Amino acid sequence: MKKVFVVGCGAYMDSGYGCPGEWRCLKAAALGEGNFDEPSQVIAFIRCECPGRTIVPNIGMAMRLSEIKPDIIYLSSCLANAKPACPYVSAEEAAKIIENKTNIKVVRGTHDYH
């Protein structure tokens, strides 16, 4: 079973625009649905907080505290597909930054539940 981190958009979740929280990401991971190619264990759920400068340090802290390096990091569907999009960093840019700093593959999006 893959060990994964999920990074969600804190502002999007707080506003309630199409994301009631992380339950849909957790369901997709547990069942191996959406962008998860197999059932996966979510080790950390990290909220990106505006303007996004803390994503990489928070991922590093989660790895240190959990003592587990994830196999893959997922940008939640609310972060990857936000409408309106993040005014600070695109999902593509965030994925590249995370991959470059951690050497861990980043997948944009977790599920396609409505």
PDB file of N, CA and C in Angstrom:
ATOM      1  N   MET A   1       0.852  -1.177   0.000  1.00  0.00           N
ATOM      2  CA  MET A   1       0.000   0.000   0.000  1.00  0.00           C
ATOM      3  C   MET A   1       0.897   1.239   0.000  1.00  0.00           C
ATOM      4  N   LYS A   2       0.616   2.148  -0.924  1.00  0.00           N
ATOM      5  CA  LYS A   2       1.383   3.387  -0.994  1.00  0.00           C
ATOM      6  C   LYS A   2       1.043   4.283   0.191  1.00  0.00           C
ATOM      7  N   LYS A   3       2.070   5.005   0.644  1.00  0.00           N
ATOM      8  CA  LYS A   3       1.898   6.005   1.688  1.00  0.00           C
ATOM      9  C   LYS A   3       1.907   7.370   0.998  1.00  0.00           C
ATOM     10  N   VAL A   4       0.881   8.179   1.259  1.00  0.00           N
ATOM     11  CA  VAL A   4       0.740   9.443   0.537  1.00  0.00           C
ATOM     12  C   VAL A   4       0.474  10.601   1.487  1.00  0.00           C
ATOM     13  N   PHE A   5       0.841  11.781   1.034  1.00  0.00           N
ATOM     14  CA  PHE A   5       0.446  13.038   1.659  1.00  0.00           C
ATOM     15  C   PHE A   5      -0.552  13.687   0.719  1.00  0.00           C
ATOM     16  N   VAL A   6      -1.523  14.406   1.270  1.00  0.00           N
ATOM     17  CA  VAL A   6      -2.463  15.196   0.481  1.00  0.00           C
ATOM     18  C   VAL A   6      -2.315  16.646   0.916  1.00  0.00           C
ATOM     19  N   VAL A   7      -2.195  17.544  -0.045  1.00  0.00           N
ATOM     20  CA  VAL A   7      -2.126  18.982   0.223  1.00  0.00           C
ATOM     21  C   VAL A   7      -3.418  19.605  -0.282  1.00  0.00           C
ATOM     22  N   GLY A   8      -4.180  20.207   0.624  1.00  0.00           N
ATOM     23  CA  GLY A   8      -5.439  20.844   0.271  1.00  0.00           C
ATOM     24  C   GLY A   8      -5.348  22.356   0.356  1.00  0.00           C
ATOM     25  N   CYS A   9      -6.228  23.042  -0.328  1.00  0.00           N
ATOM     26  CA  CYS A   9      -6.302  24.506  -0.292  1.00  0.00           C
ATOM     27  C   CYS A   9      -7.100  24.923   0.939  1.00  0.00           C
ATOM     28  N   GLY A  10      -6.418  25.479   1.926  1.00  0.00           N
ATOM     29  CA  GLY A  10      -7.076  25.895   3.158  1.00  0.00           C
ATOM     30  C   GLY A  10      -8.145  26.949   2.933  1.00  0.00           C
ATOM     31  N   ALA A  11      -7.869  27.927   2.085  1.00  0.00           N
ATOM     32  CA  ALA A  11      -8.844  28.991   1.826  1.00  0.00           C
ATOM     33  C   ALA A  11     -10.083  28.434   1.143  1.00  0.00           C
ATOM     34  N   TYR A  12      -9.878  27.521   0.212  1.00  0.00           N
ATOM     35  CA  TYR A  12     -10.996  26.932  -0.514  1.00  0.00           C
ATOM     36  C   TYR A  12     -11.865  26.101   0.422  1.00  0.00           C
ATOM     37  N   MET A  13     -11.227  25.324   1.286  1.00  0.00           N
ATOM     38  CA  MET A  13     -11.987  24.509   2.228  1.00  0.00           C
ATOM     39  C   MET A  13     -12.747  25.380   3.216  1.00  0.00           C
ATOM     40  N   ASP A  14     -12.099  26.442   3.702  1.00  0.00           N
ATOM     41  CA  ASP A  14     -12.755  27.326   4.672  1.00  0.00           C
ATOM     42  C   ASP A  14     -13.950  28.048   4.081  1.00  0.00           C
ATOM     43  N   SER A  15     -13.897  28.358   2.790  1.00  0.00           N
ATOM     44  CA  SER A  15     -14.975  29.107   2.155  1.00  0.00           C
ATOM     45  C   SER A  15     -16.170  28.226   1.814  1.00  0.00           C
ATOM     46  N   GLY A  16     -15.969  26.910   1.740  1.00  0.00           N
ATOM     47  CA  GLY A  16     -17.061  25.993   1.430  1.00  0.00           C
ATOM     48  C   GLY A  16     -17.398  25.905  -0.044  1.00  0.00           C
ATOM     49  N   TYR A  17     -16.573  26.495  -0.914  1.00  0.00           N
ATOM     50  CA  TYR A  17     -16.845  26.453  -2.346  1.00  0.00           C
ATOM     51  C   TYR A  17     -16.517  25.083  -2.925  1.00  0.00           C
ATOM     52  N   GLY A  18     -17.439  24.174  -2.822  1.00  0.00           N
ATOM     53  CA  GLY A  18     -17.281  22.875  -3.453  1.00  0.00           C
ATOM     54  C   GLY A  18     -16.397  21.896  -2.708  1.00  0.00           C
ATOM     55  N   CYS A  19     -15.871  22.268  -1.550  1.00  0.00           N
ATOM     56  CA  CYS A  19     -15.018  21.349  -0.790  1.00  0.00           C
ATOM     57  C   CYS A  19     -15.385  21.434   0.679  1.00  0.00           C
ATOM     58  N   PRO A  20     -16.124  20.454   1.168  1.00  0.00           N
ATOM     59  CA  PRO A  20     -16.517  20.483   2.572  1.00  0.00           C
ATOM     60  C   PRO A  20     -15.411  20.059   3.511  1.00  0.00           C
ATOM     61  N   GLY A  21     -14.250  19.778   3.000  1.00  0.00           N
ATOM     62  CA  GLY A  21     -13.144  19.290   3.813  1.00  0.00           C
ATOM     63  C   GLY A  21     -12.488  18.132   3.115  1.00  0.00           C
ATOM     64  N   GLU A  22     -11.734  17.378   3.864  1.00  0.00           N
ATOM     65  CA  GLU A  22     -10.915  16.360   3.227  1.00  0.00           C
ATOM     66  C   GLU A  22     -11.577  15.007   3.048  1.00  0.00           C
ATOM     67  N   TRP A  23     -12.808  14.811   3.432  1.00  0.00           N
ATOM     68  CA  TRP A  23     -13.399  13.464   3.394  1.00  0.00           C
ATOM     69  C   TRP A  23     -13.400  12.851   2.004  1.00  0.00           C
ATOM     70  N   ARG A  24     -13.597  13.633   0.955  1.00  0.00           N
ATOM     71  CA  ARG A  24     -13.615  13.058  -0.394  1.00  0.00           C
ATOM     72  C   ARG A  24     -12.226  12.596  -0.811  1.00  0.00           C
ATOM     73  N   CYS A  25     -11.197  13.348  -0.445  1.00  0.00           N
ATOM     74  CA  CYS A  25      -9.825  12.923  -0.737  1.00  0.00           C
ATOM     75  C   CYS A  25      -9.496  11.643   0.019  1.00  0.00           C
ATOM     76  N   LEU A  26      -9.907  11.574   1.269  1.00  0.00           N
ATOM     77  CA  LEU A  26      -9.627  10.385   2.081  1.00  0.00           C
ATOM     78  C   LEU A  26     -10.358   9.164   1.538  1.00  0.00           C
ATOM     79  N   LYS A  27     -11.597   9.360   1.092  1.00  0.00           N
ATOM     80  CA  LYS A  27     -12.360   8.255   0.510  1.00  0.00           C
ATOM     81  C   LYS A  27     -11.686   7.745  -0.758  1.00  0.00           C
ATOM     82  N   ALA A  28     -11.305   8.658  -1.647  1.00  0.00           N
ATOM     83  CA  ALA A  28     -10.660   8.257  -2.902  1.00  0.00           C
ATOM     84  C   ALA A  28      -9.366   7.495  -2.617  1.00  0.00           C
ATOM     85  N   ALA A  29      -8.590   7.967  -1.646  1.00  0.00           N
ATOM     86  CA  ALA A  29      -7.339   7.282  -1.304  1.00  0.00           C
ATOM     87  C   ALA A  29      -7.627   5.889  -0.757  1.00  0.00           C
ATOM     88  N   ALA A  30      -8.574   5.774   0.141  1.00  0.00           N
ATOM     89  CA  ALA A  30      -8.878   4.489   0.774  1.00  0.00           C
ATOM     90  C   ALA A  30      -9.372   3.461  -0.236  1.00  0.00           C
ATOM     91  N   LEU A  31     -10.140   3.911  -1.214  1.00  0.00           N
ATOM     92  CA  LEU A  31     -10.725   2.999  -2.187  1.00  0.00           C
ATOM     93  C   LEU A  31      -9.896   2.850  -3.462  1.00  0.00           C
ATOM     94  N   GLY A  32      -8.853   3.670  -3.607  1.00  0.00           N
ATOM     95  CA  GLY A  32      -8.053   3.623  -4.826  1.00  0.00           C
ATOM     96  C   GLY A  32      -8.812   4.168  -6.022  1.00  0.00           C
ATOM     97  N   GLU A  33      -9.633   5.187  -5.793  1.00  0.00           N
ATOM     98  CA  GLU A  33     -10.430   5.797  -6.864  1.00  0.00           C
ATOM     99  C   GLU A  33      -9.816   7.121  -7.302  1.00  0.00           C
ATOM    100  N   GLY A  34     -10.410   7.722  -8.316  1.00  0.00           N
ATOM    101  CA  GLY A  34      -9.921   9.005  -8.812  1.00  0.00           C
ATOM    102  C   GLY A  34      -8.502   8.871  -9.329  1.00  0.00           C
ATOM    103  N   ASN A  35      -7.615   9.737  -8.874  1.00  0.00           N
ATOM    104  CA  ASN A  35      -6.220   9.709  -9.319  1.00  0.00           C
ATOM    105  C   ASN A  35      -5.345   8.742  -8.537  1.00  0.00           C
ATOM    106  N   PHE A  36      -5.924   8.021  -7.596  1.00  0.00           N
ATOM    107  CA  PHE A  36      -5.174   7.009  -6.852  1.00  0.00           C
ATOM    108  C   PHE A  36      -5.260   5.699  -7.637  1.00  0.00           C
ATOM    109  N   ASP A  37      -4.120   5.142  -8.009  1.00  0.00           N
ATOM    110  CA  ASP A  37      -4.133   3.921  -8.812  1.00  0.00           C
ATOM    111  C   ASP A  37      -4.289   2.655  -7.983  1.00  0.00           C
ATOM    112  N   GLU A  38      -4.323   2.809  -6.673  1.00  0.00           N
ATOM    113  CA  GLU A  38      -4.546   1.686  -5.762  1.00  0.00           C
ATOM    114  C   GLU A  38      -4.945   2.264  -4.401  1.00  0.00           C
ATOM    115  N   PRO A  39      -5.558   1.470  -3.531  1.00  0.00           N
ATOM    116  CA  PRO A  39      -5.834   1.971  -2.180  1.00  0.00           C
ATOM    117  C   PRO A  39      -4.526   2.446  -1.543  1.00  0.00           C
ATOM    118  N   SER A  40      -4.587   3.609  -0.914  1.00  0.00           N
ATOM    119  CA  SER A  40      -3.394   4.239  -0.367  1.00  0.00           C
ATOM    120  C   SER A  40      -3.641   4.696   1.063  1.00  0.00           C
ATOM    121  N   GLN A  41      -2.571   4.726   1.831  1.00  0.00           N
ATOM    122  CA  GLN A  41      -2.645   5.173   3.217  1.00  0.00           C
ATOM    123  C   GLN A  41      -2.253   6.646   3.271  1.00  0.00           C
ATOM    124  N   VAL A  42      -3.165   7.498   3.739  1.00  0.00           N
ATOM    125  CA  VAL A  42      -2.871   8.924   3.869  1.00  0.00           C
ATOM    126  C   VAL A  42      -2.133   9.131   5.188  1.00  0.00           C
ATOM    127  N   ILE A  43      -0.895   9.536   5.093  1.00  0.00           N
ATOM    128  CA  ILE A  43      -0.044   9.753   6.262  1.00  0.00           C
ATOM    129  C   ILE A  43      -0.216  11.167   6.802  1.00  0.00           C
ATOM    130  N   ALA A  44      -0.463  12.131   5.900  1.00  0.00           N
ATOM    131  CA  ALA A  44      -0.628  13.526   6.318  1.00  0.00           C
ATOM    132  C   ALA A  44      -1.587  14.229   5.375  1.00  0.00           C
ATOM    133  N   PHE A  45      -2.397  15.110   5.949  1.00  0.00           N
ATOM    134  CA  PHE A  45      -3.253  16.000   5.169  1.00  0.00           C
ATOM    135  C   PHE A  45      -2.826  17.410   5.539  1.00  0.00           C
ATOM    136  N   ILE A  46      -2.224  18.102   4.593  1.00  0.00           N
ATOM    137  CA  ILE A  46      -1.618  19.405   4.830  1.00  0.00           C
ATOM    138  C   ILE A  46      -2.453  20.468   4.147  1.00  0.00           C
ATOM    139  N   ARG A  47      -2.740  21.522   4.870  1.00  0.00           N
ATOM    140  CA  ARG A  47      -3.484  22.648   4.292  1.00  0.00           C
ATOM    141  C   ARG A  47      -2.494  23.678   3.776  1.00  0.00           C
ATOM    142  N   CYS A  48      -2.670  24.064   2.530  1.00  0.00           N
ATOM    143  CA  CYS A  48      -1.904  25.181   1.990  1.00  0.00           C
ATOM    144  C   CYS A  48      -2.584  26.449   2.494  1.00  0.00           C
ATOM    145  N   GLU A  49      -1.819  27.329   3.093  1.00  0.00           N
ATOM    146  CA  GLU A  49      -2.365  28.592   3.576  1.00  0.00           C
ATOM    147  C   GLU A  49      -1.800  29.727   2.732  1.00  0.00           C
ATOM    148  N   CYS A  50      -2.636  30.667   2.370  1.00  0.00           N
ATOM    149  CA  CYS A  50      -2.233  31.789   1.533  1.00  0.00           C
ATOM    150  C   CYS A  50      -1.060  32.541   2.185  1.00  0.00           C
ATOM    151  N   PRO A  51      -0.081  32.917   1.402  1.00  0.00           N
ATOM    152  CA  PRO A  51       0.048  32.822  -0.041  1.00  0.00           C
ATOM    153  C   PRO A  51       0.783  31.572  -0.529  1.00  0.00           C
ATOM    154  N   GLY A  52       0.883  30.543   0.262  1.00  0.00           N
ATOM    155  CA  GLY A  52       1.454  29.282  -0.193  1.00  0.00           C
ATOM    156  C   GLY A  52       2.923  29.071   0.121  1.00  0.00           C
ATOM    157  N   ARG A  53       3.529  29.999   0.803  1.00  0.00           N
ATOM    158  CA  ARG A  53       4.967  29.882   1.084  1.00  0.00           C
ATOM    159  C   ARG A  53       5.311  28.758   2.052  1.00  0.00           C
ATOM    160  N   THR A  54       4.334  28.258   2.780  1.00  0.00           N
ATOM    161  CA  THR A  54       4.626  27.250   3.802  1.00  0.00           C
ATOM    162  C   THR A  54       4.396  25.813   3.332  1.00  0.00           C
ATOM    163  N   ILE A  55       4.022  25.615   2.074  1.00  0.00           N
ATOM    164  CA  ILE A  55       3.728  24.253   1.618  1.00  0.00           C
ATOM    165  C   ILE A  55       4.932  23.334   1.827  1.00  0.00           C
ATOM    166  N   VAL A  56       6.083  23.697   1.293  1.00  0.00           N
ATOM    167  CA  VAL A  56       7.253  22.823   1.374  1.00  0.00           C
ATOM    168  C   VAL A  56       7.716  22.662   2.826  1.00  0.00           C
ATOM    169  N   PRO A  57       7.824  23.733   3.624  1.00  0.00           N
ATOM    170  CA  PRO A  57       8.203  23.522   5.025  1.00  0.00           C
ATOM    171  C   PRO A  57       7.199  22.650   5.792  1.00  0.00           C
ATOM    172  N   ASN A  58       5.908  22.790   5.499  1.00  0.00           N
ATOM    173  CA  ASN A  58       4.904  21.968   6.178  1.00  0.00           C
ATOM    174  C   ASN A  58       5.009  20.497   5.756  1.00  0.00           C
ATOM    175  N   ILE A  59       5.327  20.251   4.498  1.00  0.00           N
ATOM    176  CA  ILE A  59       5.543  18.873   4.044  1.00  0.00           C
ATOM    177  C   ILE A  59       6.760  18.298   4.767  1.00  0.00           C
ATOM    178  N   GLY A  60       7.831  19.088   4.867  1.00  0.00           N
ATOM    179  CA  GLY A  60       9.027  18.639   5.579  1.00  0.00           C
ATOM    180  C   GLY A  60       8.735  18.349   7.037  1.00  0.00           C
ATOM    181  N   MET A  61       7.948  19.201   7.671  1.00  0.00           N
ATOM    182  CA  MET A  61       7.588  18.987   9.076  1.00  0.00           C
ATOM    183  C   MET A  61       6.749  17.725   9.229  1.00  0.00           C
ATOM    184  N   ALA A  62       5.819  17.499   8.319  1.00  0.00           N
ATOM    185  CA  ALA A  62       4.983  16.293   8.378  1.00  0.00           C
ATOM    186  C   ALA A  62       5.845  15.040   8.228  1.00  0.00           C
ATOM    187  N   MET A  63       6.849  15.101   7.365  1.00  0.00           N
ATOM    188  CA  MET A  63       7.738  13.946   7.199  1.00  0.00           C
ATOM    189  C   MET A  63       8.548  13.708   8.474  1.00  0.00           C
ATOM    190  N   ARG A  64       9.023  14.797   9.079  1.00  0.00           N
ATOM    191  CA  ARG A  64       9.809  14.640  10.311  1.00  0.00           C
ATOM    192  C   ARG A  64       8.945  14.115  11.449  1.00  0.00           C
ATOM    193  N   LEU A  65       7.760  14.674  11.620  1.00  0.00           N
ATOM    194  CA  LEU A  65       6.906  14.271  12.735  1.00  0.00           C
ATOM    195  C   LEU A  65       6.334  12.872  12.564  1.00  0.00           C
ATOM    196  N   SER A  66       5.978  12.513  11.338  1.00  0.00           N
ATOM    197  CA  SER A  66       5.422  11.177  11.109  1.00  0.00           C
ATOM    198  C   SER A  66       6.521  10.130  10.974  1.00  0.00           C
ATOM    199  N   GLU A  67       7.742  10.606  10.696  1.00  0.00           N
ATOM    200  CA  GLU A  67       8.889   9.736  10.436  1.00  0.00           C
ATOM    201  C   GLU A  67       8.642   8.819   9.237  1.00  0.00           C
ATOM    202  N   ILE A  68       7.803   9.295   8.307  1.00  0.00           N
ATOM    203  CA  ILE A  68       7.481   8.535   7.106  1.00  0.00           C
ATOM    204  C   ILE A  68       7.625   9.453   5.900  1.00  0.00           C
ATOM    205  N   LYS A  69       8.387   9.004   4.915  1.00  0.00           N
ATOM    206  CA  LYS A  69       8.488   9.732   3.657  1.00  0.00           C
ATOM    207  C   LYS A  69       7.420   9.163   2.732  1.00  0.00           C
ATOM    208  N   PRO A  70       6.552  10.011   2.187  1.00  0.00           N
ATOM    209  CA  PRO A  70       5.498   9.495   1.313  1.00  0.00           C
ATOM    210  C   PRO A  70       6.048   9.006  -0.017  1.00  0.00           C
ATOM    211  N   ASP A  71       5.318   8.065  -0.598  1.00  0.00           N
ATOM    212  CA  ASP A  71       5.657   7.596  -1.934  1.00  0.00           C
ATOM    213  C   ASP A  71       5.243   8.622  -2.980  1.00  0.00           C
ATOM    214  N   ILE A  72       4.125   9.285  -2.725  1.00  0.00           N
ATOM    215  CA  ILE A  72       3.564  10.285  -3.646  1.00  0.00           C
ATOM    216  C   ILE A  72       2.901  11.383  -2.818  1.00  0.00           C
ATOM    217  N   ILE A  73       2.928  12.601  -3.346  1.00  0.00           N
ATOM    218  CA  ILE A  73       2.198  13.724  -2.753  1.00  0.00           C
ATOM    219  C   ILE A  73       1.107  14.115  -3.739  1.00  0.00           C
ATOM    220  N   TYR A  74      -0.114  14.259  -3.244  1.00  0.00           N
ATOM    221  CA  TYR A  74      -1.249  14.650  -4.080  1.00  0.00           C
ATOM    222  C   TYR A  74      -1.675  16.069  -3.730  1.00  0.00           C
ATOM    223  N   LEU A  75      -1.887  16.885  -4.750  1.00  0.00           N
ATOM    224  CA  LEU A  75      -2.563  18.171  -4.557  1.00  0.00           C
ATOM    225  C   LEU A  75      -4.045  17.853  -4.650  1.00  0.00           C
ATOM    226  N   SER A  76      -4.791  18.209  -3.631  1.00  0.00           N
ATOM    227  CA  SER A  76      -6.221  17.873  -3.601  1.00  0.00           C
ATOM    228  C   SER A  76      -6.935  18.459  -4.812  1.00  0.00           C
ATOM    229  N   SER A  77      -8.066  17.879  -5.128  1.00  0.00           N
ATOM    230  CA  SER A  77      -8.852  18.383  -6.258  1.00  0.00           C
ATOM    231  C   SER A  77      -9.267  19.826  -6.036  1.00  0.00           C
ATOM    232  N   CYS A  78      -9.546  20.218  -4.778  1.00  0.00           N
ATOM    233  CA  CYS A  78      -9.944  21.611  -4.520  1.00  0.00           C
ATOM    234  C   CYS A  78      -8.780  22.567  -4.778  1.00  0.00           C
ATOM    235  N   LEU A  79      -7.561  22.109  -4.590  1.00  0.00           N
ATOM    236  CA  LEU A  79      -6.404  22.950  -4.881  1.00  0.00           C
ATOM    237  C   LEU A  79      -6.088  22.920  -6.375  1.00  0.00           C
ATOM    238  N   ALA A  80      -6.100  21.749  -6.962  1.00  0.00           N
ATOM    239  CA  ALA A  80      -5.705  21.601  -8.365  1.00  0.00           C
ATOM    240  C   ALA A  80      -6.727  22.174  -9.341  1.00  0.00           C
ATOM    241  N   ASN A  81      -8.007  22.169  -8.951  1.00  0.00           N
ATOM    242  CA  ASN A  81      -9.072  22.589  -9.870  1.00  0.00           C
ATOM    243  C   ASN A  81      -9.874  23.780  -9.373  1.00  0.00           C
ATOM    244  N   ALA A  82      -9.329  24.554  -8.465  1.00  0.00           N
ATOM    245  CA  ALA A  82     -10.071  25.666  -7.847  1.00  0.00           C
ATOM    246  C   ALA A  82     -10.557  26.671  -8.887  1.00  0.00           C
ATOM    247  N   LYS A  83     -11.796  27.079  -8.729  1.00  0.00           N
ATOM    248  CA  LYS A  83     -12.394  28.144  -9.538  1.00  0.00           C
ATOM    249  C   LYS A  83     -13.037  29.129  -8.583  1.00  0.00           C
ATOM    250  N   PRO A  84     -12.558  30.326  -8.436  1.00  0.00           N
ATOM    251  CA  PRO A  84     -11.415  30.903  -9.144  1.00  0.00           C
ATOM    252  C   PRO A  84     -10.105  30.264  -8.686  1.00  0.00           C
ATOM    253  N   ALA A  85      -9.138  30.306  -9.573  1.00  0.00           N
ATOM    254  CA  ALA A  85      -7.831  29.712  -9.292  1.00  0.00           C
ATOM    255  C   ALA A  85      -7.081  30.527  -8.245  1.00  0.00           C
ATOM    256  N   CYS A  86      -6.094  29.927  -7.650  1.00  0.00           N
ATOM    257  CA  CYS A  86      -5.263  30.601  -6.658  1.00  0.00           C
ATOM    258  C   CYS A  86      -4.572  31.810  -7.297  1.00  0.00           C
ATOM    259  N   PRO A  87      -4.642  32.968  -6.653  1.00  0.00           N
ATOM    260  CA  PRO A  87      -3.982  34.142  -7.221  1.00  0.00           C
ATOM    261  C   PRO A  87      -2.473  34.161  -6.967  1.00  0.00           C
ATOM    262  N   TYR A  88      -1.968  33.233  -6.171  1.00  0.00           N
ATOM    263  CA  TYR A  88      -0.558  33.246  -5.794  1.00  0.00           C
ATOM    264  C   TYR A  88       0.304  32.264  -6.583  1.00  0.00           C
ATOM    265  N   VAL A  89      -0.210  31.049  -6.803  1.00  0.00           N
ATOM    266  CA  VAL A  89       0.583  30.030  -7.489  1.00  0.00           C
ATOM    267  C   VAL A  89      -0.369  29.036  -8.158  1.00  0.00           C
ATOM    268  N   SER A  90      -0.052  28.651  -9.376  1.00  0.00           N
ATOM    269  CA  SER A  90      -0.890  27.666 -10.061  1.00  0.00           C
ATOM    270  C   SER A  90      -0.578  26.274  -9.508  1.00  0.00           C
ATOM    271  N   ALA A  91      -1.490  25.345  -9.730  1.00  0.00           N
ATOM    272  CA  ALA A  91      -1.266  23.970  -9.291  1.00  0.00           C
ATOM    273  C   ALA A  91      -0.028  23.390  -9.973  1.00  0.00           C
ATOM    274  N   GLU A  92       0.177  23.739 -11.227  1.00  0.00           N
ATOM    275  CA  GLU A  92       1.349  23.254 -11.955  1.00  0.00           C
ATOM    276  C   GLU A  92       2.631  23.771 -11.313  1.00  0.00           C
ATOM    277  N   GLU A  93       2.648  25.070 -10.979  1.00  0.00           N
ATOM    278  CA  GLU A  93       3.828  25.653 -10.330  1.00  0.00           C
ATOM    279  C   GLU A  93       4.057  25.040  -8.949  1.00  0.00           C
ATOM    280  N   ALA A  94       2.984  24.868  -8.182  1.00  0.00           N
ATOM    281  CA  ALA A  94       3.107  24.281  -6.845  1.00  0.00           C
ATOM    282  C   ALA A  94       3.665  22.867  -6.942  1.00  0.00           C
ATOM    283  N   ALA A  95       3.167  22.083  -7.897  1.00  0.00           N
ATOM    284  CA  ALA A  95       3.656  20.717  -8.077  1.00  0.00           C
ATOM    285  C   ALA A  95       5.149  20.712  -8.399  1.00  0.00           C
ATOM    286  N   LYS A  96       5.583  21.601  -9.293  1.00  0.00           N
ATOM    287  CA  LYS A  96       7.001  21.662  -9.663  1.00  0.00           C
ATOM    288  C   LYS A  96       7.868  22.055  -8.468  1.00  0.00           C
ATOM    289  N   ILE A  97       7.409  23.039  -7.704  1.00  0.00           N
ATOM    290  CA  ILE A  97       8.165  23.483  -6.527  1.00  0.00           C
ATOM    291  C   ILE A  97       8.314  22.333  -5.534  1.00  0.00           C
ATOM    292  N   ILE A  98       7.206  21.657  -5.249  1.00  0.00           N
ATOM    293  CA  ILE A  98       7.236  20.546  -4.288  1.00  0.00           C
ATOM    294  C   ILE A  98       8.140  19.427  -4.789  1.00  0.00           C
ATOM    295  N   GLU A  99       8.000  19.055  -6.056  1.00  0.00           N
ATOM    296  CA  GLU A  99       8.833  17.985  -6.617  1.00  0.00           C
ATOM    297  C   GLU A  99      10.317  18.349  -6.562  1.00  0.00           C
ATOM    298  N   ASN A 100      10.644  19.599  -6.913  1.00  0.00           N
ATOM    299  CA  ASN A 100      12.043  20.034  -6.924  1.00  0.00           C
ATOM    300  C   ASN A 100      12.652  20.036  -5.529  1.00  0.00           C
ATOM    301  N   LYS A 101      11.860  20.384  -4.523  1.00  0.00           N
ATOM    302  CA  LYS A 101      12.378  20.469  -3.149  1.00  0.00           C
ATOM    303  C   LYS A 101      12.394  19.132  -2.424  1.00  0.00           C
ATOM    304  N   THR A 102      11.487  18.218  -2.787  1.00  0.00           N
ATOM    305  CA  THR A 102      11.365  16.967  -2.038  1.00  0.00           C
ATOM    306  C   THR A 102      11.827  15.729  -2.800  1.00  0.00           C
ATOM    307  N   ASN A 103      11.943  15.847  -4.120  1.00  0.00           N
ATOM    308  CA  ASN A 103      12.237  14.686  -4.975  1.00  0.00           C
ATOM    309  C   ASN A 103      11.169  13.604  -4.854  1.00  0.00           C
ATOM    310  N   ILE A 104       9.934  14.021  -4.610  1.00  0.00           N
ATOM    311  CA  ILE A 104       8.788  13.109  -4.514  1.00  0.00           C
ATOM    312  C   ILE A 104       7.801  13.503  -5.611  1.00  0.00           C
ATOM    313  N   LYS A 105       7.286  12.506  -6.327  1.00  0.00           N
ATOM    314  CA  LYS A 105       6.314  12.764  -7.389  1.00  0.00           C
ATOM    315  C   LYS A 105       5.065  13.442  -6.813  1.00  0.00           C
ATOM    316  N   VAL A 106       4.554  14.431  -7.550  1.00  0.00           N
ATOM    317  CA  VAL A 106       3.336  15.139  -7.161  1.00  0.00           C
ATOM    318  C   VAL A 106       2.275  14.900  -8.229  1.00  0.00           C
ATOM    319  N   VAL A 107       1.083  14.518  -7.788  1.00  0.00           N
ATOM    320  CA  VAL A 107      -0.062  14.313  -8.672  1.00  0.00           C
ATOM    321  C   VAL A 107      -1.048  15.440  -8.412  1.00  0.00           C
ATOM    322  N   ARG A 108      -1.530  16.055  -9.495  1.00  0.00           N
ATOM    323  CA  ARG A 108      -2.502  17.144  -9.361  1.00  0.00           C
ATOM    324  C   ARG A 108      -3.916  16.573  -9.405  1.00  0.00           C
ATOM    325  N   GLY A 109      -4.612  16.662  -8.287  1.00  0.00           N
ATOM    326  CA  GLY A 109      -5.979  16.186  -8.173  1.00  0.00           C
ATOM    327  C   GLY A 109      -6.042  14.845  -7.463  1.00  0.00           C
ATOM    328  N   THR A 110      -7.124  14.653  -6.721  1.00  0.00           N
ATOM    329  CA  THR A 110      -7.298  13.420  -5.962  1.00  0.00           C
ATOM    330  C   THR A 110      -8.512  12.622  -6.412  1.00  0.00           C
ATOM    331  N   HIS A 111      -9.590  13.308  -6.744  1.00  0.00           N
ATOM    332  CA  HIS A 111     -10.857  12.619  -7.056  1.00  0.00           C
ATOM    333  C   HIS A 111     -11.664  13.460  -8.030  1.00  0.00           C
ATOM    334  N   ASP A 112     -12.735  12.864  -8.553  1.00  0.00           N
ATOM    335  CA  ASP A 112     -13.654  13.618  -9.403  1.00  0.00           C
ATOM    336  C   ASP A 112     -15.086  13.471  -8.885  1.00  0.00           C
ATOM    337  N   TYR A 113     -15.219  13.275  -7.575  1.00  0.00           N
ATOM    338  CA  TYR A 113     -16.551  13.219  -6.970  1.00  0.00           C
ATOM    339  C   TYR A 113     -17.209  14.588  -7.086  1.00  0.00           C
ATOM    340  N   HIS A 114     -18.525  14.578  -7.130  1.00  0.00           N
ATOM    341  CA  HIS A 114     -19.264  15.858  -7.197  1.00  0.00           C
ATOM    342  C   HIS A 114     -19.982  16.106  -5.909  1.00  0.00           C
TER     343      HIS A 114
END
